[in-house]
Amino acid sequence: MSRAIIPAICIFGLGSILTGGAQARTDAPKASFAPIGEIVSTPYGCMDFCSRQPQECNHPVLAAADIDLTQQTWNTLNHINHQVNDAIEPVLVCPSDGPVRQSR
């Protein structure tokens, strides 16, 4: 993974949240805000990933910023979402309780 993919994945996550999951939209949705509270600890998966792939995590922390969710911003999020999805290569999952299946 390149350093450019990590921010793109984060933006993809934001796009998924705004769209409500896999449902595609062509119009910009109405934005809403989540309440913020106390600082929480880093999820274990992130810590584990960064301990195994430090080159992917050694980048400056960007300050949070509000953006206007215009049609142009929405189109940009969708464009990045499609680029990230197209760059993901499926891997074979070998469960211990069943047949090998392709994960996507």
Protein backbone atom coordinates (compact mmCIF):
# COMPACT_ATOMS: atom_id res chain seq x y z
CA MET A 1 0.00 0.00 0.00
CA SER A 2 1.28 3.46 -0.76
CA ARG A 3 0.99 6.43 1.55
CA ALA A 4 -1.66 7.92 -0.73
CA ILE A 5 -3.94 4.91 -0.24
CA ILE A 6 -4.34 5.39 3.55
CA PRO A 7 -5.96 8.86 3.27
CA ALA A 8 -8.03 7.58 0.34
CA ILE A 9 -9.27 4.68 2.45
CA CYS A 10 -10.21 7.13 5.21
CA ILE A 11 -12.14 9.23 2.70
CA PHE A 12 -13.76 6.05 1.39
CA GLY A 13 -14.92 5.35 4.95
CA LEU A 14 -16.39 8.83 5.17
CA GLY A 15 -18.15 8.26 1.86
CA SER A 16 -19.56 4.97 3.10
CA ILE A 17 -20.87 6.63 6.24
CA LEU A 18 -22.46 9.43 4.28
CA THR A 19 -24.13 7.07 1.81
CA GLY A 20 -25.35 4.62 4.42
CA GLY A 21 -23.23 1.75 3.11
CA ALA A 22 -23.19 0.21 -0.33
CA GLN A 23 -26.17 2.08 -1.72
CA ALA A 24 -25.03 4.35 -4.56
CA ARG A 25 -26.34 7.88 -4.82
CA THR A 26 -25.87 10.47 -7.48
CA ASP A 27 -27.09 13.48 -5.50
CA ALA A 28 -25.26 14.94 -2.51
CA PRO A 29 -26.90 13.81 0.75
CA LYS A 30 -27.69 16.11 3.63
CA ALA A 31 -24.81 16.10 6.10
CA SER A 32 -25.29 15.43 9.78
CA PHE A 33 -22.94 15.68 12.72
CA ALA A 34 -22.04 13.12 15.33
CA PRO A 35 -21.60 14.32 18.89
CA ILE A 36 -18.01 14.26 20.11
CA GLY A 37 -16.94 13.36 23.60
CA GLU A 38 -13.90 12.15 25.42
CA ILE A 39 -10.74 10.98 23.71
CA VAL A 40 -10.77 7.22 23.08
CA SER A 41 -7.93 4.76 22.66
CA THR A 42 -6.63 3.64 19.28
CA PRO A 43 -8.41 0.52 17.95
CA TYR A 44 -6.27 -2.60 18.26
CA GLY A 45 -6.46 -3.33 14.53
CA CYS A 46 -4.85 0.02 13.74
CA MET A 47 -2.08 -0.53 16.30
CA ASP A 48 -1.43 -4.03 14.97
CA PHE A 49 -1.34 -2.86 11.35
CA CYS A 50 1.03 0.03 12.14
CA SER A 51 3.34 -2.23 14.16
CA ARG A 52 3.61 -4.56 11.14
CA GLN A 53 3.65 -1.84 8.44
CA PRO A 54 5.20 1.27 10.04
CA GLN A 55 5.95 2.84 6.64
CA GLU A 56 2.17 3.05 6.09
CA CYS A 57 1.55 4.91 9.33
CA ASN A 58 4.47 7.36 9.55
CA HIS A 59 2.75 10.43 8.18
CA PRO A 60 1.76 13.71 9.79
CA VAL A 61 -1.58 13.90 11.52
CA LEU A 62 -3.94 16.16 9.62
CA ALA A 63 -6.16 18.55 11.51
CA ALA A 64 -9.90 17.90 11.33
CA ALA A 65 -11.74 20.23 8.99
CA ASP A 66 -15.34 20.90 8.12
CA ILE A 67 -16.22 20.78 4.44
CA ASP A 68 -19.28 21.90 2.55
CA LEU A 69 -20.95 18.85 1.07
CA THR A 70 -21.60 20.30 -2.35
CA GLN A 71 -22.29 18.34 -5.51
CA GLN A 72 -18.63 18.79 -6.50
CA THR A 73 -17.42 17.48 -3.11
CA TRP A 74 -19.80 14.53 -3.38
CA ASN A 75 -18.52 13.75 -6.89
CA THR A 76 -14.93 13.87 -5.61
CA LEU A 77 -15.76 11.45 -2.77
CA ASN A 78 -17.43 9.07 -5.22
CA HIS A 79 -14.47 9.29 -7.60
CA ILE A 80 -12.00 8.44 -4.81
CA ASN A 81 -14.30 5.67 -3.58
CA HIS A 82 -14.34 4.05 -7.03
CA GLN A 83 -10.55 4.40 -7.39
CA VAL A 84 -9.95 2.73 -4.02
CA ASN A 85 -12.46 -0.05 -4.71
CA ASP A 86 -10.90 -0.74 -8.12
CA ALA A 87 -7.41 -0.92 -6.54
CA ILE A 88 -8.38 -3.57 -3.98
CA GLU A 89 -7.35 -7.04 -5.03
CA PRO A 90 -9.43 -9.93 -3.71
CA VAL A 91 -7.63 -12.45 -1.49
CA LEU A 92 -8.43 -16.07 -0.79
CA VAL A 93 -9.81 -16.70 2.67
CA CYS A 94 -9.04 -20.13 4.10
CA PRO A 95 -11.46 -20.69 6.97
CA SER A 96 -10.74 -23.56 9.29
CA ASP A 97 -14.37 -24.69 9.17
CA GLY A 98 -15.15 -24.83 5.47
CA PRO A 99 -14.08 -24.49 1.85
CA VAL A 100 -11.79 -21.80 0.48
CA ARG A 101 -13.76 -18.83 -0.78
CA GLN A 102 -12.86 -15.59 -2.50
CA SER A 103 -13.28 -12.47 -0.38
CA ARG A 104 -14.07 -9.10 -1.92
